[in-house]
Amino acid sequence: MRGRDHAKGRGYVADFTGPDWEFREFQLPRGTTRQEARRLLTDLAEHDHWELDRLRLWPDGRRRIRLRRRVMRSRNEAAQSAVFGVAPA
């Protein structure tokens, strides 16, 4: 996992992949307004082709968000991962 600061420098971001989807998890701090969260998610959806997979609002106001996007592979990479059962690096 790769972490980096996000949302006013207090959140975290983790990137990991699955067989057909790429996922990105991050957490927004409790001080983040609904409009700021919406603007961030809209920008990620429009420019980077992410879609909302899961959002959890904690009682203290934190938001934990998981986004996903389809992994576009060439035929060679798809065939290689089907034969060997691993995703290409």
Protein backbone atom coordinates (compact mmCIF):
# COMPACT_ATOMS: atom_id res chain seq x y z
CA MET A 1 0.00 0.00 0.00
CA ARG A 2 1.08 3.51 -0.69
CA GLY A 3 0.04 6.29 1.66
CA ARG A 4 -0.01 10.02 1.05
CA ASP A 5 -1.63 13.05 2.58
CA HIS A 6 -4.99 14.14 1.30
CA ALA A 7 -7.82 16.49 2.24
CA LYS A 8 -6.15 19.24 4.24
CA GLY A 9 -3.17 16.98 4.98
CA ARG A 10 -4.95 14.80 7.54
CA GLY A 11 -6.37 11.93 5.47
CA TYR A 12 -4.72 8.90 3.95
CA VAL A 13 -4.90 7.17 0.60
CA ALA A 14 -4.28 3.48 -0.12
CA ASP A 15 -4.13 2.01 -3.62
CA PHE A 16 -4.49 -1.70 -4.34
CA THR A 17 -5.68 -3.78 -7.26
CA GLY A 18 -7.92 -6.79 -7.83
CA PRO A 19 -8.44 -8.96 -10.91
CA ASP A 20 -10.76 -6.63 -12.90
CA TRP A 21 -11.04 -3.51 -10.77
CA GLU A 22 -8.59 -1.06 -9.33
CA PHE A 23 -9.59 0.25 -5.90
CA ARG A 24 -8.61 3.36 -4.02
CA GLU A 25 -9.45 3.92 -0.36
CA PHE A 26 -9.12 7.13 1.57
CA GLN A 27 -10.52 8.84 4.59
CA LEU A 28 -11.70 12.42 4.89
CA PRO A 29 -11.41 14.09 8.30
CA ARG A 30 -14.43 15.15 10.29
CA GLY A 31 -13.93 18.83 9.43
CA THR A 32 -14.56 18.16 5.73
CA THR A 33 -17.87 19.62 4.60
CA ARG A 34 -20.32 17.73 2.43
CA GLN A 35 -19.66 20.17 -0.42
CA GLU A 36 -15.88 19.59 -0.24
CA ALA A 37 -16.37 15.81 -0.27
CA ARG A 38 -18.78 16.06 -3.20
CA ARG A 39 -16.38 18.27 -5.16
CA LEU A 40 -13.48 15.85 -4.55
CA LEU A 41 -15.52 12.80 -5.60
CA THR A 42 -16.89 14.60 -8.66
CA ASP A 43 -13.38 15.58 -9.80
CA LEU A 44 -12.10 12.02 -9.37
CA ALA A 45 -15.07 10.63 -11.29
CA GLU A 46 -14.87 13.10 -14.19
CA HIS A 47 -11.11 13.26 -14.68
CA ASP A 48 -9.78 9.90 -13.47
CA HIS A 49 -12.85 7.69 -14.21
CA TRP A 50 -13.35 6.54 -10.61
CA GLU A 51 -16.79 5.52 -9.35
CA LEU A 52 -18.01 5.30 -5.79
CA ASP A 53 -17.87 1.75 -4.43
CA ARG A 54 -18.49 2.35 -0.73
CA LEU A 55 -18.84 5.32 1.60
CA ARG A 56 -19.08 5.10 5.37
CA LEU A 57 -19.88 8.07 7.56
CA TRP A 58 -18.62 7.53 11.11
CA PRO A 59 -20.43 8.99 14.15
CA ASP A 60 -17.55 11.43 14.75
CA GLY A 61 -17.96 12.85 11.21
CA ARG A 62 -15.12 11.06 9.39
CA ARG A 63 -15.87 9.68 5.94
CA ARG A 64 -14.20 6.48 4.75
CA ILE A 65 -14.46 6.19 0.98
CA ARG A 66 -13.64 3.39 -1.45
CA LEU A 67 -13.58 4.13 -5.18
CA ARG A 68 -13.16 1.70 -8.04
CA ARG A 69 -12.43 1.79 -11.74
CA ARG A 70 -12.19 -0.87 -14.39
CA VAL A 71 -8.68 -2.02 -15.26
CA MET A 72 -8.17 -1.82 -19.01
CA ARG A 73 -5.81 -4.60 -20.13
CA SER A 74 -4.57 -5.59 -23.52
CA ARG A 75 -5.50 -9.03 -24.81
CA ASN A 76 -1.98 -10.28 -24.15
CA GLU A 77 -2.07 -9.17 -20.51
CA ALA A 78 -5.54 -10.67 -19.97
CA ALA A 79 -4.49 -13.99 -21.50
CA GLN A 80 -1.32 -14.02 -19.43
CA SER A 81 -3.19 -13.41 -16.19
CA ALA A 82 -5.78 -16.10 -17.06
CA VAL A 83 -3.03 -18.68 -17.72
CA PHE A 84 -0.80 -17.85 -14.75
CA GLY A 85 -3.48 -16.57 -12.38
CA VAL A 86 -1.64 -13.36 -11.58
CA ALA A 87 -2.04 -9.77 -12.64
CA PRO A 88 0.83 -8.37 -14.70
CA ALA A 89 3.06 -5.83 -12.98
